[in-house]
Amino acid sequence: MITTERCSHGPKVRYPTRDEAETALLDCRIGAALRGNQRRREARTYRCHNCRGWHLSSSTY
């Protein structure tokens, strides 16, 4: 089970490792595909320089 907290500089979920963020990204993609969800789609993970954790983003760049 992935333990998450919030970023100290915003409302985003903070993942402690890249692997955990990548797993969460995969879960989001699978869930969206199963539900046929066409709204926000998480596209990538990125390292946050503020909290030193990892976040998900719908931005492709």
PDB file of N, CA and C in Angstrom:
ATOM      1  N   MET A   1       0.831  -1.181   0.000  1.00  0.00           N
ATOM      2  CA  MET A   1       0.000   0.000   0.000  1.00  0.00           C
ATOM      3  C   MET A   1       0.883   1.256   0.000  1.00  0.00           C
ATOM      4  N   ILE A   2       0.497   2.229  -0.812  1.00  0.00           N
ATOM      5  CA  ILE A   2       1.247   3.472  -0.917  1.00  0.00           C
ATOM      6  C   ILE A   2       0.746   4.448   0.131  1.00  0.00           C
ATOM      7  N   THR A   3       1.667   4.988   0.905  1.00  0.00           N
ATOM      8  CA  THR A   3       1.323   6.004   1.894  1.00  0.00           C
ATOM      9  C   THR A   3       1.598   7.367   1.267  1.00  0.00           C
ATOM     10  N   THR A   4       0.600   8.236   1.281  1.00  0.00           N
ATOM     11  CA  THR A   4       0.768   9.550   0.667  1.00  0.00           C
ATOM     12  C   THR A   4       0.468  10.658   1.667  1.00  0.00           C
ATOM     13  N   GLU A   5       1.015  11.812   1.386  1.00  0.00           N
ATOM     14  CA  GLU A   5       0.733  13.017   2.152  1.00  0.00           C
ATOM     15  C   GLU A   5       0.542  14.129   1.133  1.00  0.00           C
ATOM     16  N   ARG A   6       0.295  15.319   1.589  1.00  0.00           N
ATOM     17  CA  ARG A   6       0.141  16.475   0.707  1.00  0.00           C
ATOM     18  C   ARG A   6       1.450  17.252   0.658  1.00  0.00           C
ATOM     19  N   CYS A   7       1.689  17.896  -0.458  1.00  0.00           N
ATOM     20  CA  CYS A   7       2.858  18.745  -0.636  1.00  0.00           C
ATOM     21  C   CYS A   7       2.736  19.947   0.301  1.00  0.00           C
ATOM     22  N   SER A   8       3.827  20.362   0.867  1.00  0.00           N
ATOM     23  CA  SER A   8       3.811  21.508   1.773  1.00  0.00           C
ATOM     24  C   SER A   8       3.609  22.832   1.036  1.00  0.00           C
ATOM     25  N   HIS A   9       3.708  22.824  -0.287  1.00  0.00           N
ATOM     26  CA  HIS A   9       3.558  24.049  -1.079  1.00  0.00           C
ATOM     27  C   HIS A   9       2.320  24.026  -1.967  1.00  0.00           C
ATOM     28  N   GLY A  10       1.351  23.202  -1.675  1.00  0.00           N
ATOM     29  CA  GLY A  10       0.141  23.168  -2.488  1.00  0.00           C
ATOM     30  C   GLY A  10      -0.701  21.948  -2.195  1.00  0.00           C
ATOM     31  N   PRO A  11      -1.793  21.799  -2.931  1.00  0.00           N
ATOM     32  CA  PRO A  11      -2.746  20.723  -2.647  1.00  0.00           C
ATOM     33  C   PRO A  11      -2.392  19.374  -3.262  1.00  0.00           C
ATOM     34  N   LYS A  12      -1.293  19.280  -3.971  1.00  0.00           N
ATOM     35  CA  LYS A  12      -0.962  18.040  -4.657  1.00  0.00           C
ATOM     36  C   LYS A  12      -0.576  16.928  -3.696  1.00  0.00           C
ATOM     37  N   VAL A  13      -0.873  15.718  -4.121  1.00  0.00           N
ATOM     38  CA  VAL A  13      -0.463  14.542  -3.348  1.00  0.00           C
ATOM     39  C   VAL A  13       1.031  14.348  -3.545  1.00  0.00           C
ATOM     40  N   ARG A  14       1.732  14.083  -2.454  1.00  0.00           N
ATOM     41  CA  ARG A  14       3.180  13.865  -2.487  1.00  0.00           C
ATOM     42  C   ARG A  14       3.458  12.373  -2.381  1.00  0.00           C
ATOM     43  N   TYR A  15       4.187  11.853  -3.364  1.00  0.00           N
ATOM     44  CA  TYR A  15       4.643  10.463  -3.325  1.00  0.00           C
ATOM     45  C   TYR A  15       6.120  10.475  -2.958  1.00  0.00           C
ATOM     46  N   PRO A  16       6.533   9.648  -2.006  1.00  0.00           N
ATOM     47  CA  PRO A  16       7.921   9.699  -1.537  1.00  0.00           C
ATOM     48  C   PRO A  16       8.955   9.233  -2.564  1.00  0.00           C
ATOM     49  N   THR A  17       8.561   8.348  -3.481  1.00  0.00           N
ATOM     50  CA  THR A  17       9.515   7.846  -4.466  1.00  0.00           C
ATOM     51  C   THR A  17       8.929   7.920  -5.867  1.00  0.00           C
ATOM     52  N   ARG A  18       9.811   7.903  -6.840  1.00  0.00           N
ATOM     53  CA  ARG A  18       9.354   7.909  -8.235  1.00  0.00           C
ATOM     54  C   ARG A  18       8.555   6.644  -8.535  1.00  0.00           C
ATOM     55  N   ASP A  19       9.001   5.512  -8.022  1.00  0.00           N
ATOM     56  CA  ASP A  19       8.281   4.253  -8.255  1.00  0.00           C
ATOM     57  C   ASP A  19       6.837   4.328  -7.758  1.00  0.00           C
ATOM     58  N   GLU A  20       6.629   4.915  -6.588  1.00  0.00           N
ATOM     59  CA  GLU A  20       5.274   5.038  -6.048  1.00  0.00           C
ATOM     60  C   GLU A  20       4.433   5.991  -6.902  1.00  0.00           C
ATOM     61  N   ALA A  21       5.043   7.053  -7.387  1.00  0.00           N
ATOM     62  CA  ALA A  21       4.324   7.983  -8.260  1.00  0.00           C
ATOM     63  C   ALA A  21       3.970   7.308  -9.589  1.00  0.00           C
ATOM     64  N   GLU A  22       4.893   6.528 -10.138  1.00  0.00           N
ATOM     65  CA  GLU A  22       4.633   5.815 -11.391  1.00  0.00           C
ATOM     66  C   GLU A  22       3.515   4.788 -11.213  1.00  0.00           C
ATOM     67  N   THR A  23       3.484   4.127 -10.059  1.00  0.00           N
ATOM     68  CA  THR A  23       2.408   3.176  -9.768  1.00  0.00           C
ATOM     69  C   THR A  23       1.071   3.899  -9.684  1.00  0.00           C
ATOM     70  N   ALA A  24       1.043   5.047  -9.029  1.00  0.00           N
ATOM     71  CA  ALA A  24      -0.186   5.840  -8.929  1.00  0.00           C
ATOM     72  C   ALA A  24      -0.629   6.323 -10.306  1.00  0.00           C
ATOM     73  N   LEU A  25       0.315   6.709 -11.154  1.00  0.00           N
ATOM     74  CA  LEU A  25       0.000   7.142 -12.508  1.00  0.00           C
ATOM     75  C   LEU A  25      -0.645   6.002 -13.292  1.00  0.00           C
ATOM     76  N   LEU A  26      -0.094   4.828 -13.178  1.00  0.00           N
ATOM     77  CA  LEU A  26      -0.666   3.659 -13.850  1.00  0.00           C
ATOM     78  C   LEU A  26      -2.071   3.368 -13.335  1.00  0.00           C
ATOM     79  N   ASP A  27      -2.261   3.457 -12.025  1.00  0.00           N
ATOM     80  CA  ASP A  27      -3.595   3.258 -11.439  1.00  0.00           C
ATOM     81  C   ASP A  27      -4.600   4.269 -11.988  1.00  0.00           C
ATOM     82  N   CYS A  28      -4.180   5.524 -12.132  1.00  0.00           N
ATOM     83  CA  CYS A  28      -5.059   6.571 -12.680  1.00  0.00           C
ATOM     84  C   CYS A  28      -5.442   6.243 -14.115  1.00  0.00           C
ATOM     85  N   ARG A  29      -4.471   5.815 -14.907  1.00  0.00           N
ATOM     86  CA  ARG A  29      -4.738   5.504 -16.315  1.00  0.00           C
ATOM     87  C   ARG A  29      -5.678   4.307 -16.447  1.00  0.00           C
ATOM     88  N   ILE A  30      -5.459   3.285 -15.657  1.00  0.00           N
ATOM     89  CA  ILE A  30      -6.321   2.102 -15.699  1.00  0.00           C
ATOM     90  C   ILE A  30      -7.735   2.475 -15.266  1.00  0.00           C
ATOM     91  N   GLY A  31      -7.847   3.234 -14.182  1.00  0.00           N
ATOM     92  CA  GLY A  31      -9.154   3.657 -13.691  1.00  0.00           C
ATOM     93  C   GLY A  31      -9.904   4.494 -14.707  1.00  0.00           C
ATOM     94  N   ALA A  32      -9.207   5.414 -15.367  1.00  0.00           N
ATOM     95  CA  ALA A  32      -9.841   6.267 -16.379  1.00  0.00           C
ATOM     96  C   ALA A  32     -10.312   5.429 -17.566  1.00  0.00           C
ATOM     97  N   ALA A  33      -9.512   4.454 -17.967  1.00  0.00           N
ATOM     98  CA  ALA A  33      -9.885   3.597 -19.098  1.00  0.00           C
ATOM     99  C   ALA A  33     -11.111   2.746 -18.753  1.00  0.00           C
ATOM    100  N   LEU A  34     -11.144   2.232 -17.545  1.00  0.00           N
ATOM    101  CA  LEU A  34     -12.271   1.390 -17.139  1.00  0.00           C
ATOM    102  C   LEU A  34     -13.568   2.185 -17.018  1.00  0.00           C
ATOM    103  N   ARG A  35     -13.463   3.433 -16.576  1.00  0.00           N
ATOM    104  CA  ARG A  35     -14.649   4.277 -16.399  1.00  0.00           C
ATOM    105  C   ARG A  35     -15.013   5.056 -17.656  1.00  0.00           C
ATOM    106  N   GLY A  36     -14.116   5.040 -18.648  1.00  0.00           N
ATOM    107  CA  GLY A  36     -14.359   5.843 -19.842  1.00  0.00           C
ATOM    108  C   GLY A  36     -14.255   7.321 -19.556  1.00  0.00           C
ATOM    109  N   ASN A  37     -13.452   7.681 -18.577  1.00  0.00           N
ATOM    110  CA  ASN A  37     -13.313   9.062 -18.134  1.00  0.00           C
ATOM    111  C   ASN A  37     -12.491   9.863 -19.142  1.00  0.00           C
ATOM    112  N   GLN A  38     -13.085  10.905 -19.714  1.00  0.00           N
ATOM    113  CA  GLN A  38     -12.397  11.742 -20.691  1.00  0.00           C
ATOM    114  C   GLN A  38     -11.962  13.080 -20.101  1.00  0.00           C
ATOM    115  N   ARG A  39     -12.178  13.274 -18.810  1.00  0.00           N
ATOM    116  CA  ARG A  39     -11.772  14.536 -18.172  1.00  0.00           C
ATOM    117  C   ARG A  39     -10.262  14.540 -17.976  1.00  0.00           C
ATOM    118  N   ARG A  40      -9.805  15.164 -16.959  1.00  0.00           N
ATOM    119  CA  ARG A  40      -8.376  15.287 -16.679  1.00  0.00           C
ATOM    120  C   ARG A  40      -7.685  13.930 -16.750  1.00  0.00           C
ATOM    121  N   ARG A  41      -6.589  13.887 -17.444  1.00  0.00           N
ATOM    122  CA  ARG A  41      -5.815  12.653 -17.560  1.00  0.00           C
ATOM    123  C   ARG A  41      -4.393  12.902 -17.092  1.00  0.00           C
ATOM    124  N   GLU A  42      -4.008  12.212 -16.085  1.00  0.00           N
ATOM    125  CA  GLU A  42      -2.638  12.335 -15.603  1.00  0.00           C
ATOM    126  C   GLU A  42      -1.699  11.755 -16.659  1.00  0.00           C
ATOM    127  N   ALA A  43      -0.653  12.491 -16.997  1.00  0.00           N
ATOM    128  CA  ALA A  43       0.208  12.110 -18.112  1.00  0.00           C
ATOM    129  C   ALA A  43       1.631  11.748 -17.709  1.00  0.00           C
ATOM    130  N   ARG A  44       2.080  12.274 -16.569  1.00  0.00           N
ATOM    131  CA  ARG A  44       3.483  12.038 -16.205  1.00  0.00           C
ATOM    132  C   ARG A  44       3.700  12.280 -14.719  1.00  0.00           C
ATOM    133  N   THR A  45       4.885  11.916 -14.268  1.00  0.00           N
ATOM    134  CA  THR A  45       5.301  12.217 -12.900  1.00  0.00           C
ATOM    135  C   THR A  45       6.409  13.260 -12.974  1.00  0.00           C
ATOM    136  N   TYR A  46       6.600  13.981 -11.895  1.00  0.00           N
ATOM    137  CA  TYR A  46       7.716  14.927 -11.846  1.00  0.00           C
ATOM    138  C   TYR A  46       8.172  15.121 -10.408  1.00  0.00           C
ATOM    139  N   ARG A  47       9.426  15.484 -10.260  1.00  0.00           N
ATOM    140  CA  ARG A  47      10.040  15.723  -8.960  1.00  0.00           C
ATOM    141  C   ARG A  47       9.738  17.156  -8.534  1.00  0.00           C
ATOM    142  N   CYS A  48       9.254  17.338  -7.315  1.00  0.00           N
ATOM    143  CA  CYS A  48       8.945  18.659  -6.774  1.00  0.00           C
ATOM    144  C   CYS A  48      10.170  19.198  -6.036  1.00  0.00           C
ATOM    145  N   HIS A  49      10.607  20.362  -6.425  1.00  0.00           N
ATOM    146  CA  HIS A  49      11.782  20.964  -5.786  1.00  0.00           C
ATOM    147  C   HIS A  49      11.444  21.547  -4.417  1.00  0.00           C
ATOM    148  N   ASN A  50      10.158  21.752  -4.141  1.00  0.00           N
ATOM    149  CA  ASN A  50       9.759  22.311  -2.854  1.00  0.00           C
ATOM    150  C   ASN A  50       9.726  21.257  -1.750  1.00  0.00           C
ATOM    151  N   CYS A  51       9.010  20.153  -2.004  1.00  0.00           N
ATOM    152  CA  CYS A  51       8.849  19.142  -0.949  1.00  0.00           C
ATOM    153  C   CYS A  51       9.780  17.942  -1.140  1.00  0.00           C
ATOM    154  N   ARG A  52      10.516  17.920  -2.257  1.00  0.00           N
ATOM    155  CA  ARG A  52      11.445  16.825  -2.572  1.00  0.00           C
ATOM    156  C   ARG A  52      10.744  15.485  -2.795  1.00  0.00           C
ATOM    157  N   GLY A  53       9.431  15.544  -3.042  1.00  0.00           N
ATOM    158  CA  GLY A  53       8.669  14.343  -3.345  1.00  0.00           C
ATOM    159  C   GLY A  53       8.356  14.296  -4.836  1.00  0.00           C
ATOM    160  N   TRP A  54       7.442  13.420  -5.193  1.00  0.00           N
ATOM    161  CA  TRP A  54       7.016  13.254  -6.580  1.00  0.00           C
ATOM    162  C   TRP A  54       5.529  13.536  -6.691  1.00  0.00           C
ATOM    163  N   HIS A  55       5.107  14.119  -7.811  1.00  0.00           N
ATOM    164  CA  HIS A  55       3.716  14.443  -8.069  1.00  0.00           C
ATOM    165  C   HIS A  55       3.293  13.912  -9.425  1.00  0.00           C
ATOM    166  N   LEU A  56       1.977  13.903  -9.654  1.00  0.00           N
ATOM    167  CA  LEU A  56       1.410  13.569 -10.950  1.00  0.00           C
ATOM    168  C   LEU A  56       0.975  14.863 -11.631  1.00  0.00           C
ATOM    169  N   SER A  57       1.047  14.875 -12.949  1.00  0.00           N
ATOM    170  CA  SER A  57       0.626  16.055 -13.703  1.00  0.00           C
ATOM    171  C   SER A  57      -0.130  15.640 -14.953  1.00  0.00           C
ATOM    172  N   SER A  58      -1.104  16.432 -15.357  1.00  0.00           N
ATOM    173  CA  SER A  58      -1.801  16.175 -16.609  1.00  0.00           C
ATOM    174  C   SER A  58      -1.076  16.854 -17.771  1.00  0.00           C
ATOM    175  N   SER A  59      -0.106  17.686 -17.461  1.00  0.00           N
ATOM    176  CA  SER A  59       0.693  18.355 -18.488  1.00  0.00           C
ATOM    177  C   SER A  59       1.643  17.348 -19.129  1.00  0.00           C
ATOM    178  N   THR A  60       1.826  17.443 -20.443  1.00  0.00           N
ATOM    179  CA  THR A  60       2.705  16.499 -21.131  1.00  0.00           C
ATOM    180  C   THR A  60       4.145  16.990 -21.215  1.00  0.00           C
ATOM    181  N   TYR A  61       4.422  18.179 -20.762  1.00  0.00           N
ATOM    182  CA  TYR A  61       5.796  18.685 -20.813  1.00  0.00           C
ATOM    183  C   TYR A  61       6.379  18.921 -19.458  1.00  0.00           C
TER     184      TYR A  61
END
